[in-house]
Amino acid sequence: HEGMLYATTQSGYVLAVDTNSGKTTWRAHLGFHLWSSPVVVDNTLLVANCRGQLFAYSLADKTKPKQLWKLRIGRGGCIESTPVVWRGRIYVGTWSGFFFAIGH
C-alpha cells in the first residue's frame, strides 16, 4: 500500500515495512498467533488475531499506523481468515465455527 508492506508474524506482531529501504518503521504486538493477512481498505489497516479480536488502524501516517478501534468478535475464536470488506461491511470467519458480518 503506497510503498509500505503490512505483514503479520507467528509471534504476534503486525509490521509496517518500507518497500524501498526494507526498514521496519512500525510494529505492534497483538497477541500470539497472527495467522490472517492484514488488509487495507480506504486508508484503514485491518488486522485480526487468534484471540478473536479485530483491530483497525488509520494510515494517515502510513509509516506509523494509529489504532482507531479494537473489537472482540463472538466468543473469541481464533481469526485465521483474512478479513474481507464489501459494501461497507467487514466479513470474517473464526475457529469457533461462525462467520461474522460487522458494519451497518
PDB file of N, CA and C in Angstrom:
ATOM      1  N   HIS A   1       0.848  -1.183   0.000  1.00  0.00           N
ATOM      2  CA  HIS A   1       0.000   0.000   0.000  1.00  0.00           C
ATOM      3  C   HIS A   1       0.885   1.235   0.000  1.00  0.00           C
ATOM      4  N   GLU A   2       0.930   1.948  -1.108  1.00  0.00           N
ATOM      5  CA  GLU A   2       1.665   3.212  -1.215  1.00  0.00           C
ATOM      6  C   GLU A   2       3.090   3.124  -0.672  1.00  0.00           C
ATOM      7  N   GLY A   3       3.809   2.087  -1.097  1.00  0.00           N
ATOM      8  CA  GLY A   3       5.208   1.951  -0.709  1.00  0.00           C
ATOM      9  C   GLY A   3       5.449   1.283   0.626  1.00  0.00           C
ATOM     10  N   MET A   4       4.386   0.783   1.245  1.00  0.00           N
ATOM     11  CA  MET A   4       4.523   0.099   2.532  1.00  0.00           C
ATOM     12  C   MET A   4       3.974  -1.318   2.413  1.00  0.00           C
ATOM     13  N   LEU A   5       4.619  -2.240   3.110  1.00  0.00           N
ATOM     14  CA  LEU A   5       4.145  -3.611   3.219  1.00  0.00           C
ATOM     15  C   LEU A   5       3.697  -3.810   4.656  1.00  0.00           C
ATOM     16  N   TYR A   6       2.470  -4.283   4.843  1.00  0.00           N
ATOM     17  CA  TYR A   6       1.952  -4.581   6.181  1.00  0.00           C
ATOM     18  C   TYR A   6       1.859  -6.095   6.287  1.00  0.00           C
ATOM     19  N   ALA A   7       2.522  -6.663   7.291  1.00  0.00           N
ATOM     20  CA  ALA A   7       2.596  -8.111   7.424  1.00  0.00           C
ATOM     21  C   ALA A   7       2.448  -8.510   8.887  1.00  0.00           C
ATOM     22  N   THR A   8       1.993  -9.748   9.093  1.00  0.00           N
ATOM     23  CA  THR A   8       1.854 -10.288  10.443  1.00  0.00           C
ATOM     24  C   THR A   8       2.862 -11.405  10.657  1.00  0.00           C
ATOM     25  N   THR A   9       3.111 -11.718  11.938  1.00  0.00           N
ATOM     26  CA  THR A   9       4.074 -12.760  12.281  1.00  0.00           C
ATOM     27  C   THR A   9       3.445 -13.794  13.203  1.00  0.00           C
ATOM     28  N   GLN A  10       4.002 -14.984  13.178  1.00  0.00           N
ATOM     29  CA  GLN A  10       3.573 -16.064  14.073  1.00  0.00           C
ATOM     30  C   GLN A  10       3.688 -15.636  15.533  1.00  0.00           C
ATOM     31  N   SER A  11       4.698 -14.827  15.845  1.00  0.00           N
ATOM     32  CA  SER A  11       4.922 -14.417  17.233  1.00  0.00           C
ATOM     33  C   SER A  11       3.996 -13.288  17.681  1.00  0.00           C
ATOM     34  N   GLY A  12       3.110 -12.802  16.791  1.00  0.00           N
ATOM     35  CA  GLY A  12       2.083 -11.864  17.215  1.00  0.00           C
ATOM     36  C   GLY A  12       2.291 -10.408  16.866  1.00  0.00           C
ATOM     37  N   TYR A  13       3.234 -10.117  15.994  1.00  0.00           N
ATOM     38  CA  TYR A  13       3.469  -8.726  15.612  1.00  0.00           C
ATOM     39  C   TYR A  13       2.845  -8.412  14.258  1.00  0.00           C
ATOM     40  N   VAL A  14       2.346  -7.191  14.140  1.00  0.00           N
ATOM     41  CA  VAL A  14       1.997  -6.646  12.837  1.00  0.00           C
ATOM     42  C   VAL A  14       3.070  -5.603  12.548  1.00  0.00           C
ATOM     43  N   LEU A  15       3.593  -5.618  11.325  1.00  0.00           N
ATOM     44  CA  LEU A  15       4.726  -4.768  10.956  1.00  0.00           C
ATOM     45  C   LEU A  15       4.372  -3.876   9.773  1.00  0.00           C
ATOM     46  N   ALA A  16       4.962  -2.691   9.763  1.00  0.00           N
ATOM     47  CA  ALA A  16       4.943  -1.810   8.596  1.00  0.00           C
ATOM     48  C   ALA A  16       6.373  -1.745   8.087  1.00  0.00           C
ATOM     49  N   VAL A  17       6.575  -2.169   6.836  1.00  0.00           N
ATOM     50  CA  VAL A  17       7.918  -2.224   6.257  1.00  0.00           C
ATOM     51  C   VAL A  17       7.948  -1.351   5.006  1.00  0.00           C
ATOM     52  N   ASP A  18       8.919  -0.432   4.964  1.00  0.00           N
ATOM     53  CA  ASP A  18       9.103   0.413   3.792  1.00  0.00           C
ATOM     54  C   ASP A  18       9.646  -0.456   2.665  1.00  0.00           C
ATOM     55  N   THR A  19       8.930  -0.510   1.531  1.00  0.00           N
ATOM     56  CA  THR A  19       9.333  -1.410   0.449  1.00  0.00           C
ATOM     57  C   THR A  19      10.577  -0.933  -0.290  1.00  0.00           C
ATOM     58  N   ASN A  20      10.941   0.333  -0.170  1.00  0.00           N
ATOM     59  CA  ASN A  20      12.165   0.831  -0.812  1.00  0.00           C
ATOM     60  C   ASN A  20      13.404   0.511   0.005  1.00  0.00           C
ATOM     61  N   SER A  21      13.336   0.761   1.312  1.00  0.00           N
ATOM     62  CA  SER A  21      14.513   0.587   2.166  1.00  0.00           C
ATOM     63  C   SER A  21      14.562  -0.770   2.865  1.00  0.00           C
ATOM     64  N   GLY A  22      13.406  -1.434   2.999  1.00  0.00           N
ATOM     65  CA  GLY A  22      13.343  -2.673   3.755  1.00  0.00           C
ATOM     66  C   GLY A  22      13.297  -2.451   5.253  1.00  0.00           C
ATOM     67  N   LYS A  23      13.245  -1.196   5.676  1.00  0.00           N
ATOM     68  CA  LYS A  23      13.249  -0.849   7.097  1.00  0.00           C
ATOM     69  C   LYS A  23      11.850  -1.008   7.702  1.00  0.00           C
ATOM     70  N   THR A  24      11.795  -1.637   8.887  1.00  0.00           N
ATOM     71  CA  THR A  24      10.552  -1.720   9.641  1.00  0.00           C
ATOM     72  C   THR A  24      10.343  -0.383  10.332  1.00  0.00           C
ATOM     73  N   THR A  25       9.259   0.307   9.987  1.00  0.00           N
ATOM     74  CA  THR A  25       9.005   1.641  10.534  1.00  0.00           C
ATOM     75  C   THR A  25       8.066   1.617  11.729  1.00  0.00           C
ATOM     76  N   TRP A  26       7.365   0.491  11.914  1.00  0.00           N
ATOM     77  CA  TRP A  26       6.384   0.389  12.999  1.00  0.00           C
ATOM     78  C   TRP A  26       6.109  -1.071  13.274  1.00  0.00           C
ATOM     79  N   ARG A  27       5.813  -1.377  14.533  1.00  0.00           N
ATOM     80  CA  ARG A  27       5.388  -2.720  14.906  1.00  0.00           C
ATOM     81  C   ARG A  27       4.473  -2.616  16.124  1.00  0.00           C
ATOM     82  N   ALA A  28       3.526  -3.537  16.203  1.00  0.00           N
ATOM     83  CA  ALA A  28       2.629  -3.620  17.365  1.00  0.00           C
ATOM     84  C   ALA A  28       2.408  -5.090  17.684  1.00  0.00           C
ATOM     85  N   HIS A  29       2.420  -5.420  18.969  1.00  0.00           N
ATOM     86  CA  HIS A  29       2.175  -6.796  19.390  1.00  0.00           C
ATOM     87  C   HIS A  29       0.692  -6.939  19.707  1.00  0.00           C
ATOM     88  N   LEU A  30       0.018  -7.850  18.991  1.00  0.00           N
ATOM     89  CA  LEU A  30      -1.429  -8.008  19.140  1.00  0.00           C
ATOM     90  C   LEU A  30      -1.812  -9.349  19.747  1.00  0.00           C
ATOM     91  N   GLY A  31      -0.855 -10.047  20.323  1.00  0.00           N
ATOM     92  CA  GLY A  31      -1.134 -11.349  20.906  1.00  0.00           C
ATOM     93  C   GLY A  31      -0.595 -12.446  20.021  1.00  0.00           C
ATOM     94  N   PHE A  32      -0.213 -13.549  20.628  1.00  0.00           N
ATOM     95  CA  PHE A  32       0.415 -14.652  19.920  1.00  0.00           C
ATOM     96  C   PHE A  32      -0.476 -15.176  18.794  1.00  0.00           C
ATOM     97  N   HIS A  33       0.115 -15.545  17.704  1.00  0.00           N
ATOM     98  CA  HIS A  33      -0.519 -16.091  16.501  1.00  0.00           C
ATOM     99  C   HIS A  33      -1.312 -15.036  15.738  1.00  0.00           C
ATOM    100  N   LEU A  34      -0.689 -14.420  14.796  1.00  0.00           N
ATOM    101  CA  LEU A  34      -1.397 -13.577  13.836  1.00  0.00           C
ATOM    102  C   LEU A  34      -1.329 -14.334  12.519  1.00  0.00           C
ATOM    103  N   TRP A  35      -2.342 -15.140  12.252  1.00  0.00           N
ATOM    104  CA  TRP A  35      -2.333 -16.013  11.089  1.00  0.00           C
ATOM    105  C   TRP A  35      -3.087 -15.440   9.897  1.00  0.00           C
ATOM    106  N   SER A  36      -3.966 -14.485  10.118  1.00  0.00           N
ATOM    107  CA  SER A  36      -4.662 -13.899   8.968  1.00  0.00           C
ATOM    108  C   SER A  36      -3.789 -12.806   8.365  1.00  0.00           C
ATOM    109  N   SER A  37      -4.034 -12.519   7.115  1.00  0.00           N
ATOM    110  CA  SER A  37      -3.291 -11.447   6.453  1.00  0.00           C
ATOM    111  C   SER A  37      -3.966 -10.110   6.730  1.00  0.00           C
ATOM    112  N   PRO A  38      -3.183  -9.061   6.948  1.00  0.00           N
ATOM    113  CA  PRO A  38      -3.786  -7.737   7.104  1.00  0.00           C
ATOM    114  C   PRO A  38      -4.331  -7.261   5.761  1.00  0.00           C
ATOM    115  N   VAL A  39      -5.303  -6.372   5.822  1.00  0.00           N
ATOM    116  CA  VAL A  39      -5.896  -5.839   4.599  1.00  0.00           C
ATOM    117  C   VAL A  39      -6.066  -4.325   4.763  1.00  0.00           C
ATOM    118  N   VAL A  40      -5.865  -3.598   3.666  1.00  0.00           N
ATOM    119  CA  VAL A  40      -6.032  -2.138   3.672  1.00  0.00           C
ATOM    120  C   VAL A  40      -7.261  -1.787   2.845  1.00  0.00           C
ATOM    121  N   VAL A  41      -8.156  -1.011   3.455  1.00  0.00           N
ATOM    122  CA  VAL A  41      -9.360  -0.536   2.780  1.00  0.00           C
ATOM    123  C   VAL A  41      -9.577   0.915   3.183  1.00  0.00           C
ATOM    124  N   ASP A  42      -9.719   1.779   2.184  1.00  0.00           N
ATOM    125  CA  ASP A  42      -9.981   3.208   2.443  1.00  0.00           C
ATOM    126  C   ASP A  42      -9.005   3.801   3.456  1.00  0.00           C
ATOM    127  N   ASN A  43      -7.715   3.506   3.265  1.00  0.00           N
ATOM    128  CA  ASN A  43      -6.657   4.041   4.122  1.00  0.00           C
ATOM    129  C   ASN A  43      -6.764   3.573   5.582  1.00  0.00           C
ATOM    130  N   THR A  44      -7.401   2.420   5.773  1.00  0.00           N
ATOM    131  CA  THR A  44      -7.519   1.797   7.096  1.00  0.00           C
ATOM    132  C   THR A  44      -6.954   0.397   7.010  1.00  0.00           C
ATOM    133  N   LEU A  45      -6.062   0.066   7.950  1.00  0.00           N
ATOM    134  CA  LEU A  45      -5.457  -1.257   8.042  1.00  0.00           C
ATOM    135  C   LEU A  45      -6.291  -2.105   8.988  1.00  0.00           C
ATOM    136  N   LEU A  46      -6.738  -3.274   8.527  1.00  0.00           N
ATOM    137  CA  LEU A  46      -7.478  -4.219   9.367  1.00  0.00           C
ATOM    138  C   LEU A  46      -6.598  -5.417   9.647  1.00  0.00           C
ATOM    139  N   VAL A  47      -6.531  -5.804  10.931  1.00  0.00           N
ATOM    140  CA  VAL A  47      -5.707  -6.936  11.358  1.00  0.00           C
ATOM    141  C   VAL A  47      -6.492  -7.732  12.395  1.00  0.00           C
ATOM    142  N   ALA A  48      -6.457  -9.062  12.291  1.00  0.00           N
ATOM    143  CA  ALA A  48      -7.143  -9.929  13.249  1.00  0.00           C
ATOM    144  C   ALA A  48      -6.134 -10.790  13.994  1.00  0.00           C
ATOM    145  N   ASN A  49      -6.505 -11.209  15.217  1.00  0.00           N
ATOM    146  CA  ASN A  49      -5.606 -12.080  15.974  1.00  0.00           C
ATOM    147  C   ASN A  49      -6.300 -13.384  16.365  1.00  0.00           C
ATOM    148  N   CYS A  50      -5.575 -14.229  17.073  1.00  0.00           N
ATOM    149  CA  CYS A  50      -6.090 -15.542  17.455  1.00  0.00           C
ATOM    150  C   CYS A  50      -6.816 -15.500  18.798  1.00  0.00           C
ATOM    151  N   ARG A  51      -7.082 -14.310  19.298  1.00  0.00           N
ATOM    152  CA  ARG A  51      -7.899 -14.125  20.496  1.00  0.00           C
ATOM    153  C   ARG A  51      -9.312 -13.672  20.115  1.00  0.00           C
ATOM    154  N   GLY A  52      -9.587 -13.672  18.814  1.00  0.00           N
ATOM    155  CA  GLY A  52     -10.908 -13.260  18.355  1.00  0.00           C
ATOM    156  C   GLY A  52     -11.085 -11.758  18.315  1.00  0.00           C
ATOM    157  N   GLN A  53     -10.002 -11.028  18.143  1.00  0.00           N
ATOM    158  CA  GLN A  53     -10.065  -9.568  18.108  1.00  0.00           C
ATOM    159  C   GLN A  53      -9.729  -9.058  16.715  1.00  0.00           C
ATOM    160  N   LEU A  54     -10.443  -8.011  16.323  1.00  0.00           N
ATOM    161  CA  LEU A  54     -10.201  -7.332  15.059  1.00  0.00           C
ATOM    162  C   LEU A  54      -9.771  -5.908  15.391  1.00  0.00           C
ATOM    163  N   PHE A  55      -8.691  -5.450  14.769  1.00  0.00           N
ATOM    164  CA  PHE A  55      -8.134  -4.121  15.011  1.00  0.00           C
ATOM    165  C   PHE A  55      -8.206  -3.303  13.740  1.00  0.00           C
ATOM    166  N   ALA A  56      -8.442  -2.000  13.898  1.00  0.00           N
ATOM    167  CA  ALA A  56      -8.403  -1.068  12.767  1.00  0.00           C
ATOM    168  C   ALA A  56      -7.403   0.031  13.087  1.00  0.00           C
ATOM    169  N   TYR A  57      -6.559   0.345  12.104  1.00  0.00           N
ATOM    170  CA  TYR A  57      -5.540   1.381  12.249  1.00  0.00           C
ATOM    171  C   TYR A  57      -5.668   2.398  11.124  1.00  0.00           C
ATOM    172  N   SER A  58      -5.564   3.667  11.472  1.00  0.00           N
ATOM    173  CA  SER A  58      -5.536   4.723  10.466  1.00  0.00           C
ATOM    174  C   SER A  58      -4.178   4.718   9.787  1.00  0.00           C
ATOM    175  N   LEU A  59      -4.190   4.898   8.468  1.00  0.00           N
ATOM    176  CA  LEU A  59      -2.940   5.002   7.720  1.00  0.00           C
ATOM    177  C   LEU A  59      -2.714   6.434   7.250  1.00  0.00           C
ATOM    178  N   ALA A  60      -3.219   7.405   8.020  1.00  0.00           N
ATOM    179  CA  ALA A  60      -2.943   8.811   7.703  1.00  0.00           C
ATOM    180  C   ALA A  60      -1.435   9.017   7.651  1.00  0.00           C
ATOM    181  N   ASP A  61      -0.709   8.410   8.606  1.00  0.00           N
ATOM    182  CA  ASP A  61       0.743   8.319   8.540  1.00  0.00           C
ATOM    183  C   ASP A  61       1.042   6.856   8.257  1.00  0.00           C
ATOM    184  N   LYS A  62       1.265   6.517   7.015  1.00  0.00           N
ATOM    185  CA  LYS A  62       1.398   5.114   6.610  1.00  0.00           C
ATOM    186  C   LYS A  62       2.585   4.401   7.246  1.00  0.00           C
ATOM    187  N   THR A  63       3.570   5.154   7.729  1.00  0.00           N
ATOM    188  CA  THR A  63       4.745   4.541   8.352  1.00  0.00           C
ATOM    189  C   THR A  63       4.531   4.246   9.836  1.00  0.00           C
ATOM    190  N   LYS A  64       3.529   4.883  10.438  1.00  0.00           N
ATOM    191  CA  LYS A  64       3.243   4.679  11.862  1.00  0.00           C
ATOM    192  C   LYS A  64       1.730   4.656  12.075  1.00  0.00           C
ATOM    193  N   PRO A  65       1.082   3.540  11.732  1.00  0.00           N
ATOM    194  CA  PRO A  65      -0.371   3.442  11.886  1.00  0.00           C
ATOM    195  C   PRO A  65      -0.819   3.741  13.320  1.00  0.00           C
ATOM    196  N   LYS A  66      -1.988   4.361  13.433  1.00  0.00           N
ATOM    197  CA  LYS A  66      -2.554   4.709  14.742  1.00  0.00           C
ATOM    198  C   LYS A  66      -3.855   3.931  14.932  1.00  0.00           C
ATOM    199  N   GLN A  67      -3.947   3.229  16.081  1.00  0.00           N
ATOM    200  CA  GLN A  67      -5.138   2.407  16.331  1.00  0.00           C
ATOM    201  C   GLN A  67      -6.392   3.262  16.416  1.00  0.00           C
ATOM    202  N   LEU A  68      -7.415   2.849  15.671  1.00  0.00           N
ATOM    203  CA  LEU A  68      -8.721   3.513  15.687  1.00  0.00           C
ATOM    204  C   LEU A  68      -9.680   2.798  16.626  1.00  0.00           C
ATOM    205  N   TRP A  69      -9.702   1.473  16.526  1.00  0.00           N
ATOM    206  CA  TRP A  69     -10.590   0.687  17.383  1.00  0.00           C
ATOM    207  C   TRP A  69     -10.137  -0.770  17.436  1.00  0.00           C
ATOM    208  N   LYS A  70     -10.730  -1.478  18.417  1.00  0.00           N
ATOM    209  CA  LYS A  70     -10.500  -2.908  18.607  1.00  0.00           C
ATOM    210  C   LYS A  70     -11.850  -3.522  18.945  1.00  0.00           C
ATOM    211  N   LEU A  71     -12.166  -4.675  18.354  1.00  0.00           N
ATOM    212  CA  LEU A  71     -13.449  -5.317  18.560  1.00  0.00           C
ATOM    213  C   LEU A  71     -13.250  -6.798  18.812  1.00  0.00           C
ATOM    214  N   ARG A  72     -13.838  -7.292  19.885  1.00  0.00           N
ATOM    215  CA  ARG A  72     -13.818  -8.739  20.151  1.00  0.00           C
ATOM    216  C   ARG A  72     -15.008  -9.337  19.407  1.00  0.00           C
ATOM    217  N   ILE A  73     -14.755 -10.376  18.640  1.00  0.00           N
ATOM    218  CA  ILE A  73     -15.788 -10.966  17.789  1.00  0.00           C
ATOM    219  C   ILE A  73     -16.281 -12.271  18.391  1.00  0.00           C
ATOM    220  N   GLY A  74     -17.592 -12.373  18.552  1.00  0.00           N
ATOM    221  CA  GLY A  74     -18.194 -13.601  19.066  1.00  0.00           C
ATOM    222  C   GLY A  74     -17.638 -13.980  20.415  1.00  0.00           C
ATOM    223  N   ARG A  75     -17.302 -15.241  20.554  1.00  0.00           N
ATOM    224  CA  ARG A  75     -16.764 -15.750  21.821  1.00  0.00           C
ATOM    225  C   ARG A  75     -15.246 -15.800  21.815  1.00  0.00           C
ATOM    226  N   GLY A  76     -14.649 -15.128  20.860  1.00  0.00           N
ATOM    227  CA  GLY A  76     -13.196 -15.021  20.850  1.00  0.00           C
ATOM    228  C   GLY A  76     -12.459 -16.123  20.135  1.00  0.00           C
ATOM    229  N   GLY A  77     -13.119 -16.850  19.241  1.00  0.00           N
ATOM    230  CA  GLY A  77     -12.423 -17.892  18.491  1.00  0.00           C
ATOM    231  C   GLY A  77     -11.328 -17.298  17.618  1.00  0.00           C
ATOM    232  N   CYS A  78     -10.273 -18.047  17.419  1.00  0.00           N
ATOM    233  CA  CYS A  78      -9.143 -17.597  16.617  1.00  0.00           C
ATOM    234  C   CYS A  78      -9.613 -17.153  15.229  1.00  0.00           C
ATOM    235  N   ILE A  79      -9.177 -15.983  14.816  1.00  0.00           N
ATOM    236  CA  ILE A  79      -9.473 -15.495  13.471  1.00  0.00           C
ATOM    237  C   ILE A  79      -8.263 -15.802  12.610  1.00  0.00           C
ATOM    238  N   GLU A  80      -8.409 -16.807  11.776  1.00  0.00           N
ATOM    239  CA  GLU A  80      -7.324 -17.203  10.892  1.00  0.00           C
ATOM    240  C   GLU A  80      -7.584 -16.707   9.472  1.00  0.00           C
ATOM    241  N   SER A  81      -8.840 -16.412   9.169  1.00  0.00           N
ATOM    242  CA  SER A  81      -9.177 -15.939   7.828  1.00  0.00           C
ATOM    243  C   SER A  81      -8.842 -14.460   7.687  1.00  0.00           C
ATOM    244  N   THR A  82      -8.511 -14.073   6.473  1.00  0.00           N
ATOM    245  CA  THR A  82      -8.252 -12.665   6.187  1.00  0.00           C
ATOM    246  C   THR A  82      -9.582 -11.928   6.117  1.00  0.00           C
ATOM    247  N   PRO A  83      -9.706 -10.776   6.799  1.00  0.00           N
ATOM    248  CA  PRO A  83     -10.953 -10.016   6.721  1.00  0.00           C
ATOM    249  C   PRO A  83     -11.247  -9.593   5.277  1.00  0.00           C
ATOM    250  N   VAL A  84     -12.507  -9.643   4.918  1.00  0.00           N
ATOM    251  CA  VAL A  84     -12.967  -9.209   3.604  1.00  0.00           C
ATOM    252  C   VAL A  84     -13.914  -8.032   3.819  1.00  0.00           C
ATOM    253  N   VAL A  85     -13.762  -6.996   3.017  1.00  0.00           N
ATOM    254  CA  VAL A  85     -14.633  -5.825   3.119  1.00  0.00           C
ATOM    255  C   VAL A  85     -15.423  -5.708   1.829  1.00  0.00           C
ATOM    256  N   TRP A  86     -16.753  -5.596   1.994  1.00  0.00           N
ATOM    257  CA  TRP A  86     -17.635  -5.481   0.833  1.00  0.00           C
ATOM    258  C   TRP A  86     -18.878  -4.710   1.239  1.00  0.00           C
ATOM    259  N   ARG A  87     -19.179  -3.668   0.468  1.00  0.00           N
ATOM    260  CA  ARG A  87     -20.368  -2.835   0.681  1.00  0.00           C
ATOM    261  C   ARG A  87     -20.494  -2.342   2.123  1.00  0.00           C
ATOM    262  N   GLY A  88     -19.399  -1.847   2.660  1.00  0.00           N
ATOM    263  CA  GLY A  88     -19.418  -1.228   3.985  1.00  0.00           C
ATOM    264  C   GLY A  88     -19.416  -2.184   5.159  1.00  0.00           C
ATOM    265  N   ARG A  89     -19.257  -3.468   4.897  1.00  0.00           N
ATOM    266  CA  ARG A  89     -19.211  -4.450   5.986  1.00  0.00           C
ATOM    267  C   ARG A  89     -17.888  -5.198   5.960  1.00  0.00           C
ATOM    268  N   ILE A  90     -17.472  -5.644   7.146  1.00  0.00           N
ATOM    269  CA  ILE A  90     -16.285  -6.478   7.292  1.00  0.00           C
ATOM    270  C   ILE A  90     -16.771  -7.889   7.571  1.00  0.00           C
ATOM    271  N   TYR A  91     -16.285  -8.850   6.798  1.00  0.00           N
ATOM    272  CA  TYR A  91     -16.658 -10.257   6.970  1.00  0.00           C
ATOM    273  C   TYR A  91     -15.440 -11.045   7.422  1.00  0.00           C
ATOM    274  N   VAL A  92     -15.653 -11.911   8.419  1.00  0.00           N
ATOM    275  CA  VAL A  92     -14.536 -12.702   8.928  1.00  0.00           C
ATOM    276  C   VAL A  92     -15.073 -13.989   9.558  1.00  0.00           C
ATOM    277  N   GLY A  93     -14.325 -15.068   9.378  1.00  0.00           N
ATOM    278  CA  GLY A  93     -14.669 -16.347   9.996  1.00  0.00           C
ATOM    279  C   GLY A  93     -13.730 -16.641  11.156  1.00  0.00           C
ATOM    280  N   THR A  94     -14.214 -17.431  12.119  1.00  0.00           N
ATOM    281  CA  THR A  94     -13.402 -17.780  13.289  1.00  0.00           C
ATOM    282  C   THR A  94     -13.383 -19.295  13.488  1.00  0.00           C
ATOM    283  N   TRP A  95     -12.417 -19.734  14.291  1.00  0.00           N
ATOM    284  CA  TRP A  95     -12.314 -21.150  14.616  1.00  0.00           C
ATOM    285  C   TRP A  95     -13.483 -21.627  15.465  1.00  0.00           C
ATOM    286  N   SER A  96     -14.255 -20.702  16.017  1.00  0.00           N
ATOM    287  CA  SER A  96     -15.423 -21.108  16.801  1.00  0.00           C
ATOM    288  C   SER A  96     -16.521 -21.654  15.894  1.00  0.00           C
ATOM    289  N   GLY A  97     -16.304 -21.577  14.569  1.00  0.00           N
ATOM    290  CA  GLY A  97     -17.253 -22.141  13.622  1.00  0.00           C
ATOM    291  C   GLY A  97     -18.268 -21.152  13.101  1.00  0.00           C
ATOM    292  N   PHE A  98     -18.076 -19.882  13.402  1.00  0.00           N
ATOM    293  CA  PHE A  98     -19.030 -18.865  12.976  1.00  0.00           C
ATOM    294  C   PHE A  98     -18.400 -17.912  11.963  1.00  0.00           C
ATOM    295  N   PHE A  99     -19.246 -17.323  11.150  1.00  0.00           N
ATOM    296  CA  PHE A  99     -18.873 -16.325  10.155  1.00  0.00           C
ATOM    297  C   PHE A  99     -19.594 -15.039  10.541  1.00  0.00           C
ATOM    298  N   PHE A 100     -18.856 -13.927  10.644  1.00  0.00           N
ATOM    299  CA  PHE A 100     -19.422 -12.686  11.149  1.00  0.00           C
ATOM    300  C   PHE A 100     -19.405 -11.596  10.085  1.00  0.00           C
ATOM    301  N   ALA A 101     -20.445 -10.762  10.135  1.00  0.00           N
ATOM    302  CA  ALA A 101     -20.525  -9.551   9.299  1.00  0.00           C
ATOM    303  C   ALA A 101     -20.599  -8.382  10.271  1.00  0.00           C
ATOM    304  N   ILE A 102     -19.675  -7.438  10.127  1.00  0.00           N
ATOM    305  CA  ILE A 102     -19.595  -6.282  11.029  1.00  0.00           C
ATOM    306  C   ILE A 102     -19.818  -5.033  10.202  1.00  0.00           C
ATOM    307  N   GLY A 103     -20.732  -4.182  10.630  1.00  0.00           N
ATOM    308  CA  GLY A 103     -20.990  -2.931   9.910  1.00  0.00           C
ATOM    309  C   GLY A 103     -22.452  -2.566   9.903  1.00  0.00           C
ATOM    310  N   HIS A 104     -22.809  -1.614   9.070  1.00  0.00           N
ATOM    311  CA  HIS A 104     -24.189  -1.112   9.005  1.00  0.00           C
ATOM    312  C   HIS A 104     -25.016  -1.986   8.113  1.00  0.00           C
TER     313      HIS A 104
END
